[in-house]
PDB file of all heavy atoms in Angstrom:
ATOM      1  N   ASN A   1      -4.735  12.778  -8.495  1.00  0.00           N
ATOM      2  CA  ASN A   1      -3.579  12.667  -7.583  1.00  0.00           C
ATOM      3  C   ASN A   1      -3.917  11.819  -6.355  1.00  0.00           C
ATOM      4  O   ASN A   1      -3.528  12.141  -5.222  1.00  0.00           O
ATOM      5  CB  ASN A   1      -3.112  14.060  -7.122  1.00  0.00           C
ATOM      6  CG  ASN A   1      -2.468  14.850  -8.234  1.00  0.00           C
ATOM      7  OD1 ASN A   1      -2.374  14.375  -9.365  1.00  0.00           O
ATOM      8  ND2 ASN A   1      -2.043  16.051  -7.931  1.00  0.00           N
ATOM      9  N   THR A   2      -4.603  10.734  -6.589  1.00  0.00           N
ATOM     10  CA  THR A   2      -5.097   9.915  -5.484  1.00  0.00           C
ATOM     11  C   THR A   2      -4.883   8.433  -5.775  1.00  0.00           C
ATOM     12  O   THR A   2      -5.062   7.984  -6.916  1.00  0.00           O
ATOM     13  CB  THR A   2      -6.584  10.183  -5.222  1.00  0.00           C
ATOM     14  OG1 THR A   2      -6.771  11.571  -4.927  1.00  0.00           O
ATOM     15  CG2 THR A   2      -7.085   9.360  -4.045  1.00  0.00           C
ATOM     16  N   VAL A   3      -4.498   7.710  -4.739  1.00  0.00           N
ATOM     17  CA  VAL A   3      -4.411   6.251  -4.772  1.00  0.00           C
ATOM     18  C   VAL A   3      -5.447   5.697  -3.803  1.00  0.00           C
ATOM     19  O   VAL A   3      -5.660   6.265  -2.732  1.00  0.00           O
ATOM     20  CB  VAL A   3      -3.000   5.770  -4.402  1.00  0.00           C
ATOM     21  CG1 VAL A   3      -2.966   4.265  -4.211  1.00  0.00           C
ATOM     22  CG2 VAL A   3      -2.008   6.181  -5.462  1.00  0.00           C
ATOM     23  N   TYR A   4      -6.064   4.597  -4.195  1.00  0.00           N
ATOM     24  CA  TYR A   4      -7.108   3.991  -3.393  1.00  0.00           C
ATOM     25  C   TYR A   4      -6.700   2.595  -2.954  1.00  0.00           C
ATOM     26  O   TYR A   4      -5.951   1.899  -3.644  1.00  0.00           O
ATOM     27  CB  TYR A   4      -8.411   3.906  -4.189  1.00  0.00           C
ATOM     28  CG  TYR A   4      -8.881   5.229  -4.723  1.00  0.00           C
ATOM     29  CD1 TYR A   4      -8.631   5.591  -6.040  1.00  0.00           C
ATOM     30  CD2 TYR A   4      -9.571   6.126  -3.916  1.00  0.00           C
ATOM     31  CE1 TYR A   4      -9.049   6.813  -6.537  1.00  0.00           C
ATOM     32  CE2 TYR A   4      -9.999   7.349  -4.404  1.00  0.00           C
ATOM     33  CZ  TYR A   4      -9.736   7.683  -5.717  1.00  0.00           C
ATOM     34  OH  TYR A   4     -10.155   8.901  -6.195  1.00  0.00           O
ATOM     35  N   LEU A   5      -7.230   2.196  -1.818  1.00  0.00           N
ATOM     36  CA  LEU A   5      -7.102   0.813  -1.367  1.00  0.00           C
ATOM     37  C   LEU A   5      -8.504   0.342  -0.994  1.00  0.00           C
ATOM     38  O   LEU A   5      -9.041   0.732   0.039  1.00  0.00           O
ATOM     39  CB  LEU A   5      -6.164   0.693  -0.174  1.00  0.00           C
ATOM     40  CG  LEU A   5      -5.902  -0.742   0.294  1.00  0.00           C
ATOM     41  CD1 LEU A   5      -5.106  -1.514  -0.767  1.00  0.00           C
ATOM     42  CD2 LEU A   5      -5.159  -0.773   1.636  1.00  0.00           C
ATOM     43  N   GLN A   6      -9.086  -0.437  -1.881  1.00  0.00           N
ATOM     44  CA  GLN A   6     -10.401  -1.005  -1.631  1.00  0.00           C
ATOM     45  C   GLN A   6     -10.215  -2.286  -0.818  1.00  0.00           C
ATOM     46  O   GLN A   6      -9.525  -3.203  -1.272  1.00  0.00           O
ATOM     47  CB  GLN A   6     -11.111  -1.312  -2.942  1.00  0.00           C
ATOM     48  CG  GLN A   6     -12.466  -1.977  -2.772  1.00  0.00           C
ATOM     49  CD  GLN A   6     -13.488  -1.068  -2.110  1.00  0.00           C
ATOM     50  OE1 GLN A   6     -13.601   0.105  -2.466  1.00  0.00           O
ATOM     51  NE2 GLN A   6     -14.251  -1.600  -1.163  1.00  0.00           N
ATOM     52  N   MET A   7     -10.825  -2.329   0.346  1.00  0.00           N
ATOM     53  CA  MET A   7     -10.654  -3.477   1.237  1.00  0.00           C
ATOM     54  C   MET A   7     -12.007  -4.146   1.465  1.00  0.00           C
ATOM     55  O   MET A   7     -12.925  -3.510   1.988  1.00  0.00           O
ATOM     56  CB  MET A   7     -10.059  -3.025   2.577  1.00  0.00           C
ATOM     57  CG  MET A   7      -8.744  -2.275   2.434  1.00  0.00           C
ATOM     58  SD  MET A   7      -7.949  -1.934   4.019  1.00  0.00           S
ATOM     59  CE  MET A   7      -9.165  -0.858   4.770  1.00  0.00           C
ATOM     60  N   ASN A   8     -12.104  -5.379   1.059  1.00  0.00           N
ATOM     61  CA  ASN A   8     -13.330  -6.144   1.202  1.00  0.00           C
ATOM     62  C   ASN A   8     -13.107  -7.327   2.134  1.00  0.00           C
ATOM     63  O   ASN A   8     -11.970  -7.720   2.397  1.00  0.00           O
ATOM     64  CB  ASN A   8     -13.810  -6.645  -0.162  1.00  0.00           C
ATOM     65  CG  ASN A   8     -14.108  -5.519  -1.119  1.00  0.00           C
ATOM     66  OD1 ASN A   8     -14.587  -4.454  -0.719  1.00  0.00           O
ATOM     67  ND2 ASN A   8     -13.831  -5.739  -2.396  1.00  0.00           N
ATOM     68  N   THR A   9     -14.202  -7.896   2.618  1.00  0.00           N
ATOM     69  CA  THR A   9     -14.144  -9.068   3.491  1.00  0.00           C
ATOM     70  C   THR A   9     -13.145  -8.836   4.625  1.00  0.00           C
ATOM     71  O   THR A   9     -12.259  -9.649   4.880  1.00  0.00           O
ATOM     72  CB  THR A   9     -13.776 -10.330   2.687  1.00  0.00           C
ATOM     73  OG1 THR A   9     -14.467 -10.352   1.449  1.00  0.00           O
ATOM     74  CG2 THR A   9     -14.182 -11.583   3.462  1.00  0.00           C
ATOM     75  N   LEU A  10     -13.288  -7.729   5.294  1.00  0.00           N
ATOM     76  CA  LEU A  10     -12.341  -7.374   6.342  1.00  0.00           C
ATOM     77  C   LEU A  10     -12.440  -8.325   7.528  1.00  0.00           C
ATOM     78  O   LEU A  10     -13.517  -8.842   7.854  1.00  0.00           O
ATOM     79  CB  LEU A  10     -12.569  -5.936   6.793  1.00  0.00           C
ATOM     80  CG  LEU A  10     -12.035  -4.877   5.823  1.00  0.00           C
ATOM     81  CD1 LEU A  10     -12.669  -3.531   6.073  1.00  0.00           C
ATOM     82  CD2 LEU A  10     -10.522  -4.794   5.931  1.00  0.00           C
ATOM     83  N   LYS A  11     -11.291  -8.527   8.161  1.00  0.00           N
ATOM     84  CA  LYS A  11     -11.179  -9.427   9.298  1.00  0.00           C
ATOM     85  C   LYS A  11     -10.662  -8.646  10.505  1.00  0.00           C
ATOM     86  O   LYS A  11      -9.988  -7.624  10.333  1.00  0.00           O
ATOM     87  CB  LYS A  11     -10.208 -10.555   8.985  1.00  0.00           C
ATOM     88  CG  LYS A  11     -10.535 -11.335   7.728  1.00  0.00           C
ATOM     89  CD  LYS A  11      -9.441 -12.341   7.420  1.00  0.00           C
ATOM     90  CE  LYS A  11      -9.729 -13.098   6.133  1.00  0.00           C
ATOM     91  NZ  LYS A  11      -8.658 -14.082   5.819  1.00  0.00           N
ATOM     92  N   PRO A  12     -10.928  -9.102  11.714  1.00  0.00           N
ATOM     93  CA  PRO A  12     -10.402  -8.396  12.891  1.00  0.00           C
ATOM     94  C   PRO A  12      -8.883  -8.220  12.846  1.00  0.00           C
ATOM     95  O   PRO A  12      -8.365  -7.201  13.321  1.00  0.00           O
ATOM     96  CB  PRO A  12     -10.837  -9.302  14.052  1.00  0.00           C
ATOM     97  CG  PRO A  12     -12.088  -9.951  13.562  1.00  0.00           C
ATOM     98  CD  PRO A  12     -11.855 -10.180  12.088  1.00  0.00           C
ATOM     99  N   GLU A  13      -8.179  -9.182  12.260  1.00  0.00           N
ATOM    100  CA  GLU A  13      -6.717  -9.068  12.173  1.00  0.00           C
ATOM    101  C   GLU A  13      -6.258  -8.003  11.179  1.00  0.00           C
ATOM    102  O   GLU A  13      -5.066  -7.709  11.084  1.00  0.00           O
ATOM    103  CB  GLU A  13      -6.086 -10.419  11.821  1.00  0.00           C
ATOM    104  CG  GLU A  13      -6.689 -11.100  10.608  1.00  0.00           C
ATOM    105  CD  GLU A  13      -7.741 -12.127  10.984  1.00  0.00           C
ATOM    106  OE1 GLU A  13      -8.578 -11.832  11.875  1.00  0.00           O
ATOM    107  OE2 GLU A  13      -7.737 -13.212  10.368  1.00  0.00           O
ATOM    108  N   ASP A  14      -7.189  -7.401  10.440  1.00  0.00           N
ATOM    109  CA  ASP A  14      -6.838  -6.272   9.571  1.00  0.00           C
ATOM    110  C   ASP A  14      -6.802  -4.956  10.343  1.00  0.00           C
ATOM    111  O   ASP A  14      -6.437  -3.919   9.785  1.00  0.00           O
ATOM    112  CB  ASP A  14      -7.853  -6.149   8.428  1.00  0.00           C
ATOM    113  CG  ASP A  14      -7.796  -7.309   7.465  1.00  0.00           C
ATOM    114  OD1 ASP A  14      -6.676  -7.765   7.137  1.00  0.00           O
ATOM    115  OD2 ASP A  14      -8.870  -7.770   7.029  1.00  0.00           O
ATOM    116  N   THR A  15      -7.170  -4.985  11.598  1.00  0.00           N
ATOM    117  CA  THR A  15      -7.151  -3.782  12.426  1.00  0.00           C
ATOM    118  C   THR A  15      -5.726  -3.257  12.543  1.00  0.00           C
ATOM    119  O   THR A  15      -4.814  -3.974  12.937  1.00  0.00           O
ATOM    120  CB  THR A  15      -7.711  -4.080  13.823  1.00  0.00           C
ATOM    121  OG1 THR A  15      -9.098  -4.423  13.700  1.00  0.00           O
ATOM    122  CG2 THR A  15      -7.564  -2.878  14.740  1.00  0.00           C
ATOM    123  N   ALA A  16      -5.551  -1.989  12.188  1.00  0.00           N
ATOM    124  CA  ALA A  16      -4.220  -1.380  12.180  1.00  0.00           C
ATOM    125  C   ALA A  16      -4.350   0.078  11.747  1.00  0.00           C
ATOM    126  O   ALA A  16      -5.409   0.510  11.293  1.00  0.00           O
ATOM    127  CB  ALA A  16      -3.284  -2.114  11.224  1.00  0.00           C
ATOM    128  N   VAL A  17      -3.250   0.794  11.879  1.00  0.00           N
ATOM    129  CA  VAL A  17      -3.139   2.103  11.234  1.00  0.00           C
ATOM    130  C   VAL A  17      -2.569   1.853   9.841  1.00  0.00           C
ATOM    131  O   VAL A  17      -1.545   1.173   9.702  1.00  0.00           O
ATOM    132  CB  VAL A  17      -2.230   3.053  12.022  1.00  0.00           C
ATOM    133  CG1 VAL A  17      -2.090   4.382  11.283  1.00  0.00           C
ATOM    134  CG2 VAL A  17      -2.786   3.282  13.426  1.00  0.00           C
ATOM    135  N   TYR A  18      -3.228   2.393   8.849  1.00  0.00           N
ATOM    136  CA  TYR A  18      -2.818   2.202   7.461  1.00  0.00           C
ATOM    137  C   TYR A  18      -2.136   3.478   6.958  1.00  0.00           C
ATOM    138  O   TYR A  18      -2.673   4.582   7.107  1.00  0.00           O
ATOM    139  CB  TYR A  18      -4.019   1.864   6.592  1.00  0.00           C
ATOM    140  CG  TYR A  18      -4.469   0.434   6.761  1.00  0.00           C
ATOM    141  CD1 TYR A  18      -5.087   0.009   7.942  1.00  0.00           C
ATOM    142  CD2 TYR A  18      -4.260  -0.511   5.762  1.00  0.00           C
ATOM    143  CE1 TYR A  18      -5.478  -1.307   8.117  1.00  0.00           C
ATOM    144  CE2 TYR A  18      -4.652  -1.830   5.916  1.00  0.00           C
ATOM    145  CZ  TYR A  18      -5.254  -2.222   7.104  1.00  0.00           C
ATOM    146  OH  TYR A  18      -5.643  -3.527   7.271  1.00  0.00           O
ATOM    147  N   TYR A  19      -0.976   3.284   6.346  1.00  0.00           N
ATOM    148  CA  TYR A  19      -0.169   4.390   5.839  1.00  0.00           C
ATOM    149  C   TYR A  19       0.023   4.246   4.338  1.00  0.00           C
ATOM    150  O   TYR A  19       0.209   3.139   3.835  1.00  0.00           O
ATOM    151  CB  TYR A  19       1.214   4.388   6.474  1.00  0.00           C
ATOM    152  CG  TYR A  19       1.237   4.524   7.969  1.00  0.00           C
ATOM    153  CD1 TYR A  19       1.179   3.395   8.792  1.00  0.00           C
ATOM    154  CD2 TYR A  19       1.340   5.770   8.582  1.00  0.00           C
ATOM    155  CE1 TYR A  19       1.211   3.514  10.164  1.00  0.00           C
ATOM    156  CE2 TYR A  19       1.377   5.897   9.958  1.00  0.00           C
ATOM    157  CZ  TYR A  19       1.309   4.764  10.744  1.00  0.00           C
ATOM    158  OH  TYR A  19       1.347   4.885  12.109  1.00  0.00           O
ATOM    159  N   CYS A  20       0.029   5.375   3.638  1.00  0.00           N
ATOM    160  CA  CYS A  20       0.478   5.342   2.259  1.00  0.00           C
ATOM    161  C   CYS A  20       1.839   6.044   2.188  1.00  0.00           C
ATOM    162  O   CYS A  20       2.179   6.871   3.042  1.00  0.00           O
ATOM    163  CB  CYS A  20      -0.523   5.999   1.310  1.00  0.00           C
ATOM    164  SG  CYS A  20      -0.832   7.753   1.558  1.00  0.00           S
ATOM    165  N   ALA A  21       2.606   5.663   1.180  1.00  0.00           N
ATOM    166  CA  ALA A  21       3.961   6.172   1.025  1.00  0.00           C
ATOM    167  C   ALA A  21       4.280   6.328  -0.449  1.00  0.00           C
ATOM    168  O   ALA A  21       3.729   5.609  -1.290  1.00  0.00           O
ATOM    169  CB  ALA A  21       4.957   5.219   1.689  1.00  0.00           C
ATOM    170  N   ALA A  22       5.181   7.257  -0.748  1.00  0.00           N
ATOM    171  CA  ALA A  22       5.551   7.548  -2.126  1.00  0.00           C
ATOM    172  C   ALA A  22       7.032   7.275  -2.351  1.00  0.00           C
ATOM    173  O   ALA A  22       7.880   7.664  -1.537  1.00  0.00           O
ATOM    174  CB  ALA A  22       5.237   9.002  -2.460  1.00  0.00           C
ATOM    175  N   ASP A  23       7.305   6.624  -3.467  1.00  0.00           N
ATOM    176  CA  ASP A  23       8.673   6.305  -3.881  1.00  0.00           C
ATOM    177  C   ASP A  23       8.955   7.045  -5.177  1.00  0.00           C
ATOM    178  O   ASP A  23       8.243   6.871  -6.160  1.00  0.00           O
ATOM    179  CB  ASP A  23       8.804   4.796  -4.079  1.00  0.00           C
ATOM    180  CG  ASP A  23      10.019   4.418  -4.901  1.00  0.00           C
ATOM    181  OD1 ASP A  23      11.101   5.005  -4.671  1.00  0.00           O
ATOM    182  OD2 ASP A  23       9.891   3.537  -5.781  1.00  0.00           O
ATOM    183  N   ALA A  24      10.020   7.852  -5.192  1.00  0.00           N
ATOM    184  CA  ALA A  24      10.311   8.706  -6.341  1.00  0.00           C
ATOM    185  C   ALA A  24      11.101   8.012  -7.439  1.00  0.00           C
ATOM    186  O   ALA A  24      11.341   8.598  -8.498  1.00  0.00           O
ATOM    187  CB  ALA A  24      11.062   9.949  -5.875  1.00  0.00           C
ATOM    188  N   THR A  25      11.520   6.789  -7.229  1.00  0.00           N
ATOM    189  CA  THR A  25      12.340   6.076  -8.204  1.00  0.00           C
ATOM    190  C   THR A  25      11.438   5.344  -9.192  1.00  0.00           C
ATOM    191  O   THR A  25      11.093   4.169  -8.990  1.00  0.00           O
ATOM    192  CB  THR A  25      13.295   5.100  -7.510  1.00  0.00           C
ATOM    193  OG1 THR A  25      14.011   5.792  -6.493  1.00  0.00           O
ATOM    194  CG2 THR A  25      14.260   4.492  -8.512  1.00  0.00           C
ATOM    195  N   THR A  26      11.062   5.992 -10.271  1.00  0.00           N
ATOM    196  CA  THR A  26      10.085   5.418 -11.191  1.00  0.00           C
ATOM    197  C   THR A  26      10.600   4.174 -11.896  1.00  0.00           C
ATOM    198  O   THR A  26       9.810   3.356 -12.362  1.00  0.00           O
ATOM    199  CB  THR A  26       9.649   6.451 -12.227  1.00  0.00           C
ATOM    200  OG1 THR A  26      10.814   6.950 -12.904  1.00  0.00           O
ATOM    201  CG2 THR A  26       8.927   7.612 -11.571  1.00  0.00           C
ATOM    202  N   SER A  27      11.911   4.012 -11.955  1.00  0.00           N
ATOM    203  CA  SER A  27      12.471   2.835 -12.624  1.00  0.00           C
ATOM    204  C   SER A  27      12.494   1.604 -11.732  1.00  0.00           C
ATOM    205  O   SER A  27      12.861   0.520 -12.180  1.00  0.00           O
ATOM    206  CB  SER A  27      13.896   3.140 -13.086  1.00  0.00           C
ATOM    207  OG  SER A  27      14.710   3.446 -11.970  1.00  0.00           O
ATOM    208  N   ARG A  28      12.118   1.737 -10.475  1.00  0.00           N
ATOM    209  CA  ARG A  28      12.205   0.627  -9.530  1.00  0.00           C
ATOM    210  C   ARG A  28      11.222  -0.467  -9.916  1.00  0.00           C
ATOM    211  O   ARG A  28      10.038  -0.210 -10.136  1.00  0.00           O
ATOM    212  CB  ARG A  28      11.918   1.099  -8.101  1.00  0.00           C
ATOM    213  CG  ARG A  28      12.338   0.070  -7.062  1.00  0.00           C
ATOM    214  CD  ARG A  28      11.938   0.484  -5.658  1.00  0.00           C
ATOM    215  NE  ARG A  28      12.277   1.835  -5.288  1.00  0.00           N
ATOM    216  CZ  ARG A  28      13.488   2.252  -4.920  1.00  0.00           C
ATOM    217  NH1 ARG A  28      14.478   1.379  -4.870  1.00  0.00           N
ATOM    218  NH2 ARG A  28      13.685   3.506  -4.570  1.00  0.00           N
ATOM    219  N   PRO A  29      11.672  -1.707  -9.945  1.00  0.00           N
ATOM    220  CA  PRO A  29      10.738  -2.815 -10.201  1.00  0.00           C
ATOM    221  C   PRO A  29       9.717  -2.936  -9.076  1.00  0.00           C
ATOM    222  O   PRO A  29       9.841  -2.332  -8.030  1.00  0.00           O
ATOM    223  CB  PRO A  29      11.658  -4.041 -10.253  1.00  0.00           C
ATOM    224  CG  PRO A  29      13.027  -3.502 -10.496  1.00  0.00           C
ATOM    225  CD  PRO A  29      13.059  -2.151  -9.865  1.00  0.00           C
ATOM    226  N   LEU A  30       8.747  -3.796  -9.303  1.00  0.00           N
ATOM    227  CA  LEU A  30       7.624  -3.881  -8.381  1.00  0.00           C
ATOM    228  C   LEU A  30       7.991  -4.536  -7.054  1.00  0.00           C
ATOM    229  O   LEU A  30       7.625  -4.046  -5.978  1.00  0.00           O
ATOM    230  CB  LEU A  30       6.490  -4.654  -9.057  1.00  0.00           C
ATOM    231  CG  LEU A  30       5.065  -4.360  -8.593  1.00  0.00           C
ATOM    232  CD1 LEU A  30       4.740  -2.892  -8.667  1.00  0.00           C
ATOM    233  CD2 LEU A  30       4.088  -5.172  -9.402  1.00  0.00           C
ATOM    234  N   LEU A  31       8.708  -5.645  -7.080  1.00  0.00           N
ATOM    235  CA  LEU A  31       8.950  -6.408  -5.858  1.00  0.00           C
ATOM    236  C   LEU A  31       9.651  -5.619  -4.763  1.00  0.00           C
ATOM    237  O   LEU A  31       9.291  -5.749  -3.590  1.00  0.00           O
ATOM    238  CB  LEU A  31       9.715  -7.696  -6.166  1.00  0.00           C
ATOM    239  CG  LEU A  31       8.918  -8.774  -6.900  1.00  0.00           C
ATOM    240  CD1 LEU A  31       9.754 -10.040  -7.073  1.00  0.00           C
ATOM    241  CD2 LEU A  31       7.648  -9.106  -6.145  1.00  0.00           C
ATOM    242  N   PRO A  32      10.649  -4.790  -5.083  1.00  0.00           N
ATOM    243  CA  PRO A  32      11.292  -4.026  -4.005  1.00  0.00           C
ATOM    244  C   PRO A  32      10.360  -3.061  -3.296  1.00  0.00           C
ATOM    245  O   PRO A  32      10.696  -2.579  -2.210  1.00  0.00           O
ATOM    246  CB  PRO A  32      12.406  -3.265  -4.737  1.00  0.00           C
ATOM    247  CG  PRO A  32      12.698  -4.106  -5.923  1.00  0.00           C
ATOM    248  CD  PRO A  32      11.375  -4.664  -6.338  1.00  0.00           C
ATOM    249  N   LEU A  33       9.206  -2.778  -3.865  1.00  0.00           N
ATOM    250  CA  LEU A  33       8.273  -1.858  -3.224  1.00  0.00           C
ATOM    251  C   LEU A  33       7.631  -2.467  -1.994  1.00  0.00           C
ATOM    252  O   LEU A  33       6.843  -1.810  -1.318  1.00  0.00           O
ATOM    253  CB  LEU A  33       7.200  -1.421  -4.226  1.00  0.00           C
ATOM    254  CG  LEU A  33       7.714  -0.519  -5.358  1.00  0.00           C
ATOM    255  CD1 LEU A  33       6.612  -0.245  -6.367  1.00  0.00           C
ATOM    256  CD2 LEU A  33       8.284   0.777  -4.827  1.00  0.00           C
ATOM    257  N   ARG A  34       7.958  -3.717  -1.673  1.00  0.00           N
ATOM    258  CA  ARG A  34       7.535  -4.308  -0.415  1.00  0.00           C
ATOM    259  C   ARG A  34       8.301  -3.731   0.771  1.00  0.00           C
ATOM    260  O   ARG A  34       7.866  -3.847   1.918  1.00  0.00           O
ATOM    261  CB  ARG A  34       7.785  -5.822  -0.422  1.00  0.00           C
ATOM    262  CG  ARG A  34       7.046  -6.594  -1.482  1.00  0.00           C
ATOM    263  CD  ARG A  34       7.540  -8.019  -1.542  1.00  0.00           C
ATOM    264  NE  ARG A  34       8.950  -8.083  -1.897  1.00  0.00           N
ATOM    265  CZ  ARG A  34       9.651  -9.197  -1.966  1.00  0.00           C
ATOM    266  NH1 ARG A  34       9.077 -10.351  -1.681  1.00  0.00           N
ATOM    267  NH2 ARG A  34      10.931  -9.171  -2.301  1.00  0.00           N
ATOM    268  N   GLU A  35       9.426  -3.123   0.515  1.00  0.00           N
ATOM    269  CA  GLU A  35      10.314  -2.671   1.584  1.00  0.00           C
ATOM    270  C   GLU A  35      10.027  -1.220   1.934  1.00  0.00           C
ATOM    271  O   GLU A  35      10.116  -0.337   1.090  1.00  0.00           O
ATOM    272  CB  GLU A  35      11.776  -2.821   1.149  1.00  0.00           C
ATOM    273  CG  GLU A  35      12.152  -4.207   0.677  1.00  0.00           C
ATOM    274  CD  GLU A  35      12.048  -5.250   1.771  1.00  0.00           C
ATOM    275  OE1 GLU A  35      12.080  -4.878   2.968  1.00  0.00           O
ATOM    276  OE2 GLU A  35      11.948  -6.435   1.429  1.00  0.00           O
TER     277      GLU A  35
END
């Protein structure tokens, strides 16, 4: 029950608070998940 984000070659501009989020619409195509 875990998702990972492996981050390599990090840059100072990657500094931020990182959030994960869940979308319950399993039929949703990939591109709209940018929103």
